[in-house]
Amino acid sequence: MKKIIILVAGVAACAPVYVFATGFGSVISSFKAPSNWPFGMSYRPGYLYIAAYCGQVVWRTTTTGSIISYHPLKAVWSRGITVGAVNGRIYYWVVDRRTYYVNRYVDGSSSIHGSFPAPGGGPWGVAYVDESHMYCTGVGGLHLIHPMTGSIYSSYTLSFGPGDLAYDANGYLWITYPHRDYKLVYKCTLQGSVLASFSAMRYGHPHGCAFDGEYVWISTSDVENGIYSIIRFNVQEHPSAEPASVGKVKALFR
């Protein structure tokens, strides 16, 4: 597989931008976002959960964009969202950028079921791993935390200003970089080191991020043209770096 490294001014000092000629980062499908400013997104088999800054709503849609339900949030500046199960109960967690808290809701509810202060400063994204582990991004970097208490297991410095993120059970994290000049989506190790990236420049600012086990979903805001989209990208081609084995991934959580 042919790999081209492009050094982008202002970004190269932090991490190279990898472009693959075999379809990595190409669009598979897309649909119009159910609301403006779709800042957070998460995947649950068959569905996408989209946290909208405008209207303070969580939308649940099919992967083709049909709206299943929506729930108003008791949060003012919603950012990232993630969905997962604890003790057999489905929750979604939403970052409130106004209070710097992560709020937990029972799936289908608008009432806060629990909350904790987000680690670091300027929280943005959250990504459920399992009943005891969740990732959170913010100005302070990348943090591995407990989803019910917010207790920090470990923290990592990132080479870019992160947006939302998604956990990939193959041993990776997908993290958006919504900088106005670059608009990238990074594939990272579980410690935040960049392995690859693709550009979302032509679609606007990449915000929310979800992974469905095969493809990466990104919510975008093309403010200049008033276009807000949910886009599914091919990420099947990647560097020939050895992914983290299941044993290595589990070891990080001990």
Protein backbone atom coordinates (compact mmCIF):
# COMPACT_ATOMS: atom_id res chain seq x y z
CA MET A 1 0.00 0.00 0.00
CA LYS A 2 1.40 3.39 -1.00
CA LYS A 3 1.52 5.99 1.78
CA ILE A 4 2.16 9.69 1.28
CA ILE A 5 3.17 11.95 4.16
CA ILE A 6 2.08 15.55 3.81
CA LEU A 7 3.53 18.16 6.13
CA VAL A 8 0.96 20.87 6.79
CA ALA A 9 2.20 24.18 8.15
CA GLY A 10 1.27 24.55 11.80
CA VAL A 11 0.36 20.90 12.13
CA ALA A 12 3.48 19.04 11.05
CA ALA A 13 5.36 20.11 14.17
CA CYS A 14 2.82 18.15 16.17
CA ALA A 15 2.03 15.22 13.91
CA PRO A 16 2.26 14.31 10.21
CA VAL A 17 -0.87 14.07 8.11
CA TYR A 18 -1.14 10.67 6.44
CA VAL A 19 -3.05 10.35 3.17
CA PHE A 20 -3.76 6.93 1.66
CA ALA A 21 -4.44 6.49 -2.02
CA THR A 22 -6.64 3.43 -1.49
CA GLY A 23 -9.77 5.00 -0.02
CA PHE A 24 -8.87 5.75 3.59
CA GLY A 25 -11.00 8.76 4.56
CA SER A 26 -13.36 8.48 1.59
CA VAL A 27 -17.09 9.06 2.13
CA ILE A 28 -19.37 6.00 2.25
CA SER A 29 -22.68 7.78 2.92
CA SER A 30 -24.12 10.92 4.49
CA PHE A 31 -27.35 12.57 5.56
CA LYS A 32 -28.48 15.93 6.84
CA ALA A 33 -28.06 16.38 10.59
CA PRO A 34 -31.34 16.63 12.50
CA SER A 35 -30.25 19.96 14.01
CA ASN A 36 -27.65 22.69 13.65
CA TRP A 37 -24.37 22.35 15.54
CA PRO A 38 -24.29 18.56 16.05
CA PHE A 39 -21.32 18.67 18.41
CA GLY A 40 -21.44 15.12 19.81
CA MET A 41 -22.22 11.68 18.41
CA SER A 42 -22.19 8.05 19.52
CA TYR A 43 -23.10 4.70 17.98
CA ARG A 44 -25.23 1.92 19.43
CA PRO A 45 -26.00 -1.04 17.12
CA GLY A 46 -28.43 0.25 14.51
CA TYR A 47 -28.61 3.80 15.87
CA LEU A 48 -26.73 7.07 16.14
CA TYR A 49 -27.09 9.36 19.15
CA ILE A 50 -26.48 13.00 18.24
CA ALA A 51 -26.07 15.76 20.82
CA ALA A 52 -27.04 19.12 19.34
CA TYR A 53 -25.77 22.38 20.76
CA CYS A 54 -28.71 24.24 19.21
CA GLY A 55 -31.89 23.29 21.03
CA GLN A 56 -30.00 21.24 23.65
CA VAL A 57 -31.43 17.97 22.38
CA VAL A 58 -30.24 14.38 22.02
CA TRP A 59 -31.50 12.89 18.79
CA ARG A 60 -31.61 9.15 18.13
CA THR A 61 -31.60 8.29 14.44
CA THR A 62 -31.12 5.29 12.21
CA THR A 63 -27.89 5.07 10.24
CA THR A 64 -29.77 6.46 7.24
CA GLY A 65 -30.96 9.54 9.11
CA SER A 66 -34.54 8.64 10.06
CA ILE A 67 -35.39 10.20 13.42
CA ILE A 68 -36.46 7.66 16.05
CA SER A 69 -36.73 9.95 19.08
CA TYR A 70 -35.39 13.11 20.65
CA HIS A 71 -34.98 14.27 24.24
CA PRO A 72 -34.36 17.81 25.55
CA LEU A 73 -31.32 18.07 27.83
CA LYS A 74 -30.85 19.87 31.10
CA ALA A 75 -27.52 21.16 29.87
CA VAL A 76 -26.73 24.50 28.29
CA TRP A 77 -23.64 23.91 26.17
CA SER A 78 -23.75 20.24 25.19
CA ARG A 79 -20.69 18.80 23.47
CA GLY A 80 -19.69 15.12 23.26
CA ILE A 81 -22.02 12.19 23.90
CA THR A 82 -21.43 8.47 24.44
CA VAL A 83 -23.76 5.53 25.01
CA GLY A 84 -23.13 2.39 27.06
CA ALA A 85 -24.47 -0.06 29.60
CA VAL A 86 -23.75 -0.34 33.32
CA ASN A 87 -25.30 -3.22 35.27
CA GLY A 88 -27.61 -3.93 32.35
CA ARG A 89 -28.97 -0.39 32.14
CA ILE A 90 -28.39 1.80 29.08
CA TYR A 91 -27.13 5.33 29.74
CA TYR A 92 -25.85 8.19 27.70
CA TRP A 93 -23.28 10.66 29.00
CA VAL A 94 -23.18 14.24 27.69
CA VAL A 95 -20.48 16.86 28.24
CA ASP A 96 -21.82 20.22 29.44
CA ARG A 97 -19.25 22.80 28.35
CA ARG A 98 -20.90 25.51 30.47
CA THR A 99 -20.48 23.76 33.83
CA TYR A 100 -17.51 21.53 32.81
CA TYR A 101 -19.47 18.51 34.03
CA VAL A 102 -20.27 15.18 32.43
CA ASN A 103 -23.98 14.45 32.93
CA ARG A 104 -25.43 10.94 32.82
CA TYR A 105 -28.96 10.19 31.59
CA VAL A 106 -30.95 6.98 31.50
CA ASP A 107 -31.54 6.19 27.83
CA GLY A 108 -34.80 7.83 26.76
CA SER A 109 -34.85 10.31 29.65
CA SER A 110 -34.24 14.06 29.85
CA SER A 111 -33.47 14.11 33.57
CA ILE A 112 -29.90 13.97 34.86
CA HIS A 113 -29.31 10.67 36.65
CA GLY A 114 -25.82 11.54 37.86
CA SER A 115 -22.87 13.79 37.06
CA PHE A 116 -19.23 14.47 37.85
CA PRO A 117 -16.66 17.20 37.04
CA ALA A 118 -14.90 16.56 33.76
CA PRO A 119 -11.12 16.10 34.09
CA GLY A 120 -8.79 18.77 32.77
CA GLY A 121 -10.04 22.02 31.31
CA GLY A 122 -12.50 22.74 28.52
CA PRO A 123 -14.02 19.22 28.18
CA TRP A 124 -15.33 18.20 24.78
CA GLY A 125 -15.71 14.48 24.05
CA VAL A 126 -16.51 11.25 25.88
CA ALA A 127 -16.21 7.65 24.69
CA TYR A 128 -17.56 4.62 26.55
CA VAL A 129 -15.27 1.59 26.72
CA ASP A 130 -16.89 -0.72 29.27
CA GLU A 131 -18.68 -0.58 32.65
CA SER A 132 -15.52 0.66 34.36
CA HIS A 133 -13.76 2.74 31.70
CA MET A 134 -14.45 5.82 29.60
CA TYR A 135 -12.26 8.30 27.73
CA CYS A 136 -12.70 12.08 27.94
CA THR A 137 -11.01 14.78 25.85
CA GLY A 138 -10.50 18.44 26.62
CA VAL A 139 -7.97 21.24 26.64
CA GLY A 140 -6.09 19.22 29.25
CA GLY A 141 -5.59 16.31 26.83
CA LEU A 142 -6.91 12.75 26.98
CA HIS A 143 -8.13 11.07 30.17
CA LEU A 144 -9.16 7.51 31.02
CA ILE A 145 -11.83 7.72 33.72
CA HIS A 146 -14.54 5.72 35.50
CA PRO A 147 -17.93 6.32 33.77
CA MET A 148 -19.94 6.44 37.01
CA THR A 149 -17.63 8.42 39.30
CA GLY A 150 -15.28 10.31 36.98
CA SER A 151 -12.25 9.00 38.88
CA ILE A 152 -9.13 9.36 36.73
CA TYR A 153 -7.07 6.25 35.95
CA SER A 154 -4.55 7.97 33.69
CA SER A 155 -4.02 11.09 31.59
CA TYR A 156 -2.15 11.68 28.35
CA THR A 157 -0.94 14.77 26.51
CA LEU A 158 -2.20 15.21 22.93
CA SER A 159 -0.31 16.94 20.13
CA PHE A 160 -3.48 18.73 18.94
CA GLY A 161 -6.61 20.36 20.36
CA PRO A 162 -9.17 17.53 20.49
CA GLY A 163 -12.87 17.56 19.78
CA ASP A 164 -15.13 14.53 20.25
CA LEU A 165 -13.81 10.98 20.15
CA ALA A 166 -14.85 7.36 19.65
CA TYR A 167 -13.43 4.14 21.06
CA ASP A 168 -12.41 1.41 18.61
CA ALA A 169 -12.29 -2.05 20.24
CA ASN A 170 -9.42 -2.96 17.90
CA GLY A 171 -7.24 -0.86 20.18
CA TYR A 172 -7.59 2.66 18.75
CA LEU A 173 -9.25 6.00 19.38
CA TRP A 174 -10.73 8.23 16.66
CA ILE A 175 -10.53 11.91 17.60
CA THR A 176 -11.74 14.97 15.71
CA TYR A 177 -9.60 18.09 15.35
CA PRO A 178 -12.08 20.88 14.50
CA HIS A 179 -9.44 23.61 14.06
CA ARG A 180 -10.71 26.14 11.52
CA ASP A 181 -7.62 25.81 9.32
CA TYR A 182 -7.13 22.04 9.26
CA LYS A 183 -10.33 20.10 10.12
CA LEU A 184 -8.82 16.64 10.57
CA VAL A 185 -9.89 13.29 12.01
CA TYR A 186 -7.09 11.42 13.78
CA LYS A 187 -6.62 7.73 14.38
CA CYS A 188 -4.71 7.36 17.64
CA THR A 189 -3.37 4.78 20.04
CA LEU A 190 -5.15 4.40 23.38
CA GLN A 191 -2.53 6.76 24.79
CA GLY A 192 -3.27 9.45 22.19
CA SER A 193 -0.31 9.03 19.83
CA VAL A 194 -1.30 9.81 16.22
CA LEU A 195 -1.14 6.89 13.77
CA ALA A 196 -3.03 8.33 10.80
CA SER A 197 -5.45 11.07 9.78
CA PHE A 198 -7.81 12.17 7.07
CA SER A 199 -9.20 15.56 6.18
CA ALA A 200 -12.80 16.68 6.57
CA MET A 201 -11.96 20.15 5.25
CA ARG A 202 -14.43 20.09 2.35
CA TYR A 203 -17.33 19.21 4.68
CA GLY A 204 -16.81 21.89 7.34
CA HIS A 205 -15.72 21.55 10.95
CA PRO A 206 -15.62 17.92 12.20
CA HIS A 207 -17.23 17.73 15.63
CA GLY A 208 -18.96 14.55 16.82
CA CYS A 209 -17.30 11.17 16.31
CA ALA A 210 -18.66 7.61 16.42
CA PHE A 211 -17.34 4.19 15.40
CA ASP A 212 -19.66 1.35 14.39
CA GLY A 213 -17.09 -1.44 14.34
CA GLU A 214 -16.21 -0.84 10.70
CA TYR A 215 -16.66 2.81 9.75
CA VAL A 216 -16.14 6.18 11.42
CA TRP A 217 -19.08 8.59 11.58
CA ILE A 218 -18.41 12.33 11.83
CA SER A 219 -20.87 15.18 12.40
CA THR A 220 -19.84 18.34 10.58
CA SER A 221 -20.77 22.03 10.53
CA ASP A 222 -20.27 24.00 7.32
CA VAL A 223 -21.30 27.28 8.92
CA GLU A 224 -20.56 29.46 5.90
CA ASN A 225 -23.06 27.51 3.78
CA GLY A 226 -25.45 26.56 6.58
CA ILE A 227 -24.91 22.81 6.02
CA TYR A 228 -24.84 20.41 8.96
CA SER A 229 -24.15 16.78 8.08
CA ILE A 230 -23.60 13.29 9.42
CA ILE A 231 -20.98 11.55 7.29
CA ARG A 232 -19.74 7.95 7.30
CA PHE A 233 -16.09 7.49 6.27
CA ASN A 234 -14.13 4.47 5.13
CA VAL A 235 -11.22 3.79 7.52
CA GLN A 236 -10.35 0.28 6.43
CA GLU A 237 -6.97 1.26 5.01
CA HIS A 238 -4.51 2.27 7.70
CA PRO A 239 -0.76 2.29 8.39
CA SER A 240 1.00 -1.04 8.71
CA ALA A 241 1.47 -0.39 12.43
CA GLU A 242 0.61 -3.33 14.64
CA PRO A 243 -2.67 -2.66 16.45
CA ALA A 244 -2.90 -3.20 20.17
CA SER A 245 -3.77 -6.78 20.96
CA VAL A 246 -6.73 -7.57 23.21
CA GLY A 247 -4.26 -8.45 25.95
CA LYS A 248 -2.51 -5.09 25.59
CA VAL A 249 -5.81 -3.22 25.65
CA LYS A 250 -6.98 -5.01 28.79
CA ALA A 251 -3.63 -4.39 30.45
CA LEU A 252 -4.19 -0.64 30.16
CA PHE A 253 -7.28 -0.95 32.34
CA ARG A 254 -5.65 -2.86 35.20
